Protein backbone atom coordinates (compact mmCIF):
# COMPACT_ATOMS: atom_id res chain seq x y z
CA UNK A 1 -18.33 9.63 14.50
CA UNK A 2 -20.22 6.36 13.93
CA UNK A 3 -17.85 3.38 13.84
CA UNK A 4 -19.18 -0.14 12.81
CA UNK A 5 -22.60 -1.52 11.37
CA UNK A 6 -26.04 -1.68 12.92
CA UNK A 7 -25.08 -4.82 14.96
CA UNK A 8 -21.85 -3.29 16.28
CA UNK A 9 -21.58 0.10 16.46
CA UNK A 10 -19.88 2.52 18.76
CA UNK A 11 -19.83 6.50 18.99
CA UNK A 12 -16.93 8.61 18.93
CA UNK A 13 -18.60 11.46 20.02
CA UNK A 14 -16.89 12.65 23.24
CA UNK A 15 -20.11 11.68 25.30
CA UNK A 16 -17.94 8.65 26.67
CA UNK A 17 -14.58 7.36 25.93
CA UNK A 18 -13.93 4.93 23.14
CA UNK A 19 -11.65 2.26 23.93
CA UNK A 20 -9.66 0.57 20.97
CA UNK A 21 -8.31 -2.69 22.55
CA UNK A 22 -6.54 -5.64 21.47
CA UNK A 23 -3.19 -7.82 20.82
CA UNK A 24 -0.48 -6.16 19.03
CA UNK A 25 -0.70 -8.73 16.51
CA UNK A 26 -2.59 -11.96 15.52
CA UNK A 27 -0.57 -14.25 17.05
CA UNK A 28 -2.72 -17.29 16.66
CA UNK A 29 -6.70 -17.93 15.88
CA UNK A 30 -7.02 -19.12 19.44
CA UNK A 31 -5.42 -16.42 21.12
CA UNK A 32 -7.14 -13.78 19.04
CA UNK A 33 -10.75 -15.18 19.83
CA UNK A 34 -10.07 -15.62 23.57
CA UNK A 35 -8.82 -12.16 23.92
CA UNK A 36 -11.44 -11.00 21.67
CA UNK A 37 -14.29 -12.68 23.85
CA UNK A 38 -12.58 -11.36 27.09
CA UNK A 39 -12.24 -7.80 25.94
CA UNK A 40 -16.00 -8.01 25.07
CA UNK A 41 -17.04 -9.50 28.44
CA UNK A 42 -15.33 -6.65 30.02
CA UNK A 43 -17.06 -4.26 28.24
CA UNK A 44 -20.15 -5.68 28.27
CA UNK A 45 -20.13 -5.81 32.36
CA UNK A 46 -19.59 -2.06 32.48
CA UNK A 47 -21.20 -0.68 29.40
CA UNK A 48 -17.86 0.61 27.67
CA UNK A 49 -17.55 1.59 24.07
CA UNK A 50 -15.03 -0.64 22.68
CA UNK A 51 -13.30 -1.38 19.06
CA UNK A 52 -11.33 -4.75 18.95
CA UNK A 53 -7.92 -4.38 17.38
CA UNK A 54 -5.44 -6.58 16.15
CA UNK A 55 -2.75 -6.68 13.24
CA UNK A 56 -2.46 -9.00 10.53
CA UNK A 57 0.84 -8.07 9.53
CA UNK A 58 3.54 -6.02 11.63
CA UNK A 59 5.12 -4.90 8.43
CA UNK A 60 7.64 -2.35 10.05
CA UNK A 61 9.27 -4.70 12.58
CA UNK A 62 12.92 -3.83 13.87
CA UNK A 63 14.38 -7.29 12.48
CA UNK A 64 13.93 -9.30 9.35
CA UNK A 65 13.77 -12.10 12.04
CA UNK A 66 10.70 -11.07 14.14
CA UNK A 67 7.15 -12.23 13.88
CA UNK A 68 4.87 -10.51 11.38
CA UNK A 69 1.57 -12.34 11.72
CA UNK A 70 -0.69 -14.38 9.59
CA UNK A 71 -0.68 -12.16 6.54
CA UNK A 72 -3.54 -10.06 4.93
CA UNK A 73 -6.06 -12.76 3.90
CA UNK A 74 -6.05 -14.98 6.78
CA UNK A 75 -5.77 -11.85 9.22
CA UNK A 76 -8.61 -10.09 7.83
CA UNK A 77 -10.85 -13.05 7.49
CA UNK A 78 -10.40 -13.76 11.34
CA UNK A 79 -11.15 -10.33 12.22
CA UNK A 80 -13.96 -10.20 10.04
CA UNK A 81 -15.50 -13.42 11.84
CA UNK A 82 -14.87 -12.12 15.21
CA UNK A 83 -16.51 -8.90 14.38
CA UNK A 84 -19.80 -10.76 13.12
CA UNK A 85 -19.71 -13.21 15.83
CA UNK A 86 -19.27 -10.88 18.98
CA UNK A 87 -20.96 -8.01 17.24
CA UNK A 88 -18.15 -5.79 18.29
CA UNK A 89 -16.37 -3.36 15.66
CA UNK A 90 -12.98 -4.44 14.53
CA UNK A 91 -10.13 -2.52 13.27
CA UNK A 92 -6.57 -3.02 11.94
CA UNK A 93 -3.56 -1.18 10.37
CA UNK A 94 -3.40 -1.15 6.77
CA UNK A 95 0.32 -0.48 4.70
CA UNK A 96 -0.46 -0.16 0.97
CA UNK A 97 -3.63 0.96 -0.92
CA UNK A 98 -4.29 -2.63 -1.81
CA UNK A 99 -4.37 -3.44 1.97
CA UNK A 100 -6.53 -0.69 2.61
CA UNK A 101 -9.15 -1.97 -0.18
CA UNK A 102 -9.13 -5.66 1.17
CA UNK A 103 -9.34 -5.37 4.98
CA UNK A 104 -12.45 -2.66 4.18
CA UNK A 105 -14.34 -5.68 3.44
CA UNK A 106 -13.94 -7.18 6.62
CA UNK A 107 -13.26 -4.35 9.23
CA UNK A 108 -15.35 -1.11 10.64
CA UNK A 109 -12.22 0.97 10.97
CA UNK A 110 -9.10 1.29 8.92
CA UNK A 111 -5.76 2.12 10.78
CA UNK A 112 -2.85 4.23 9.05
CA UNK A 113 0.15 3.59 11.10
CA UNK A 114 2.31 6.50 12.42
CA UNK A 115 5.18 5.77 9.93
CA UNK A 116 2.89 6.27 7.00
CA UNK A 117 1.07 9.05 7.91
CA UNK A 118 2.12 11.04 5.27
CA UNK A 119 1.60 8.54 2.42
CA UNK A 120 -0.53 10.17 0.06
CA UNK A 121 -1.75 7.20 -2.00
CA UNK A 122 -2.59 5.11 1.09
CA UNK A 123 -4.49 7.72 3.01
CA UNK A 124 -6.55 8.04 -0.34
CA UNK A 125 -7.13 4.84 -1.05
CA UNK A 126 -8.19 4.18 2.67
CA UNK A 127 -10.56 7.43 2.74
CA UNK A 128 -11.95 6.13 -0.67
CA UNK A 129 -13.23 2.75 1.02
CA UNK A 130 -16.05 4.18 2.67
CA UNK A 131 -14.82 3.27 6.15
CA UNK A 132 -13.93 5.57 9.05
CA UNK A 133 -9.99 6.01 9.06
CA UNK A 134 -7.96 6.53 12.33
CA UNK A 135 -4.47 8.25 11.18
CA UNK A 136 -1.58 8.02 13.90
CA UNK A 137 0.46 10.99 14.01
CA UNK A 138 4.07 10.35 13.07
CA UNK A 139 6.48 10.60 15.84
CA UNK A 140 8.12 13.17 13.53
CA UNK A 141 5.21 15.39 13.39
CA UNK A 142 4.27 18.69 15.41
CA UNK A 143 0.70 18.68 16.61
CA UNK A 144 -0.37 21.17 13.78
CA UNK A 145 1.16 18.93 11.02
CA UNK A 146 -1.79 16.93 11.07
CA UNK A 147 -3.81 19.69 9.03
CA UNK A 148 -2.57 18.91 5.57
CA UNK A 149 -3.26 15.15 6.62
CA UNK A 150 -6.70 16.12 7.25
CA UNK A 151 -6.86 17.89 3.77
CA UNK A 152 -5.97 14.76 1.75
CA UNK A 153 -8.65 12.68 3.64
CA UNK A 154 -11.27 15.09 2.97
CA UNK A 155 -10.11 15.50 -0.93
CA UNK A 156 -11.06 11.70 -0.86
CA UNK A 157 -14.33 12.56 0.25
CA UNK A 158 -14.10 10.98 3.40
CA UNK A 159 -15.56 12.83 6.45
CA UNK A 160 -15.22 10.25 9.30
CA UNK A 161 -11.80 10.04 10.27
CA UNK A 162 -9.96 10.95 13.70
CA UNK A 163 -6.13 11.05 14.75
CA UNK A 164 -4.25 8.77 17.38
CA UNK A 165 -1.68 10.74 19.44
CA UNK A 166 1.28 8.12 19.96
CA UNK A 167 4.23 10.25 21.27
CA UNK A 168 6.93 12.19 19.72
CA UNK A 169 10.68 11.23 19.17
CA UNK A 170 12.93 12.47 21.84
CA UNK A 171 16.44 11.71 21.41
CA UNK A 172 17.48 8.12 20.64
CA UNK A 173 15.11 5.09 21.27
CA UNK A 174 12.89 7.30 23.26
CA UNK A 175 9.61 8.87 23.01
CA UNK A 176 7.57 11.51 24.90
CA UNK A 177 3.84 12.19 24.99
CA UNK A 178 3.31 15.65 25.15
CA UNK A 179 -0.31 16.02 26.38
CA UNK A 180 -0.56 19.49 24.90
CA UNK A 181 -0.80 17.62 21.55
CA UNK A 182 -4.32 16.64 22.66
CA UNK A 183 -6.03 20.24 22.69
CA UNK A 184 -3.99 21.42 19.91
CA UNK A 185 -4.91 18.47 17.67
CA UNK A 186 -8.71 19.18 18.70
CA UNK A 187 -8.56 22.73 17.83
CA UNK A 188 -9.73 22.41 14.22
CA UNK A 189 -12.34 20.10 15.35
CA UNK A 190 -10.79 16.74 15.17
CA UNK A 191 -11.43 13.72 17.16
CA UNK A 192 -8.39 12.71 19.18
CA UNK A 193 -7.50 9.25 20.54
CA UNK A 194 -4.42 8.44 22.83
CA UNK A 195 -2.26 5.51 22.30
CA UNK A 196 -1.16 4.73 25.74
CA UNK A 197 0.86 1.64 24.84
CA UNK A 198 2.97 2.75 22.02
CA UNK A 199 3.69 6.14 23.60
CA UNK A 200 5.76 4.19 26.20
CA UNK A 201 8.01 2.22 23.57
CA UNK A 202 11.52 2.81 23.09
CA UNK A 203 11.96 2.07 19.63
CA UNK A 204 14.75 -0.12 18.56
CA UNK A 205 15.66 0.03 22.43
CA UNK A 206 16.37 -3.75 22.73
CA UNK A 207 18.49 -3.79 19.50
CA UNK A 208 16.68 -6.34 17.47
CA UNK A 209 13.46 -5.12 18.60
CA UNK A 210 11.61 -2.40 20.46
CA UNK A 211 11.50 -2.26 24.26
CA UNK A 212 9.19 -0.38 26.59
CA UNK A 213 7.87 1.05 29.59
CA UNK A 214 4.21 -0.65 29.91
CA UNK A 215 3.91 0.02 33.52
CA UNK A 216 3.96 3.42 32.71
CA UNK A 217 1.05 3.41 30.04
CA UNK A 218 -2.06 3.58 32.58
CA UNK A 219 -0.55 6.81 33.88
CA UNK A 220 0.01 8.39 30.68
CA UNK A 221 -3.57 7.24 29.52
CA UNK A 222 -5.15 9.11 32.93
CA UNK A 223 -2.96 12.24 31.70
CA UNK A 224 -4.65 12.18 28.25
CA UNK A 225 -7.96 11.47 29.23
CA UNK A 226 -7.84 14.38 31.58
CA UNK A 227 -6.20 16.55 28.83
CA UNK A 228 -9.43 16.06 26.81
CA UNK A 229 -8.69 12.80 24.47
CA UNK A 230 -11.94 11.24 23.30
CA UNK A 231 -10.74 7.40 23.56
CA UNK A 232 -7.64 5.67 24.22
CA UNK A 233 -5.96 2.81 22.21
CA UNK A 234 -4.20 0.24 24.70
CA UNK A 235 -2.61 -2.80 23.43
CA UNK A 236 -3.19 -6.03 25.93
CA UNK A 237 -1.98 -9.52 26.37
CA UNK A 238 -2.64 -12.36 28.96
CA UNK A 239 1.24 -12.38 29.30
CA UNK A 240 3.00 -9.37 27.76
CA UNK A 241 6.47 -11.02 28.56
CA UNK A 242 5.72 -14.00 25.81
CA UNK A 243 3.95 -11.84 23.56
CA UNK A 244 5.44 -12.09 19.91
CA UNK A 245 5.29 -8.13 19.55
CA UNK A 246 5.37 -5.31 21.50
CA UNK A 247 5.18 -7.06 24.56
CA UNK A 248 7.09 -4.64 26.88
CA UNK A 249 4.79 -1.76 26.21
CA UNK A 250 1.44 -4.08 26.58
CA UNK A 251 -0.68 -3.80 30.14
CA UNK A 252 -1.71 -7.28 31.32
CA UNK A 253 -5.12 -8.29 30.43
CA UNK A 254 -5.76 -8.99 33.96
CA UNK A 255 -4.87 -5.55 34.89
CA UNK A 256 -7.22 -3.97 32.07
CA UNK A 257 -10.72 -3.97 34.05
CA UNK A 258 -9.19 -1.83 36.51
CA UNK A 259 -7.66 0.83 34.09
CA UNK A 260 -10.57 1.17 32.16
CA UNK A 261 -12.72 1.83 35.12
CA UNK A 262 -10.16 4.73 36.21
CA UNK A 263 -10.06 6.28 32.91
CA UNK A 264 -14.08 6.36 32.42
CA UNK A 265 -14.06 8.03 35.98
CA UNK A 266 -11.44 10.54 34.72
CA UNK A 267 -13.44 11.17 31.77
CA UNK A 268 -16.61 11.72 33.54
CA UNK A 269 -15.03 14.13 36.05
CA UNK A 270 -13.29 16.09 33.35
CA UNK A 271 -16.40 16.41 30.95
CA UNK A 272 -18.84 17.74 34.02
């Protein structure tokens, strides 16, 4: 699968892992640009395949008072500028059919949030834009429940799509990442990415927001790569304690190079 334009393209083909990296939400233009430049520099030094990710709107925050981002138009404009200037593929999550149509003009890959993975109108709209689509498997779905979703995407004329595993609900305020999901989801020939940072989230665990165990994200990522995933989704921040969304789950930017190096080595060993 090809993600991006001629000037900024990565292949999700299993030959090397693809890393989807960035902050949870666009907190400011300055911080987002700095993160994008830092992530690109890390990737260039080691030859990693990357897609830069940031959300223009966190539409499913726990509290009405939670920070959501700059909104559709400003956020997509910024992501489009980052993609063009840095020559990296960019992605963001979309929440409505209109969002999908607008975002597709600026980003290279559309992401369907886990809570919306069965929303037929949204899936068809995203699939109809001509952009590749990343569908996050809902926390409430079994691995084989992605098959009807894949049928919807194909019915809209899109063959360039993949799924992201991000853990399954296990009791209250807890997720468990079942590594069996990766080979089970790949049985039908689908590419599968593993979301390391949302898999350690504790939804609603802090009352008015989610908490999480970001320190465990690298361990789950290592297990997922060994289990055969095609890429890893990691949210990162210079100081997760100060992040405006999902800080407890994120990997500190300073630790990212070592994490990616380890995952790349494991991928090489697992695919010998």
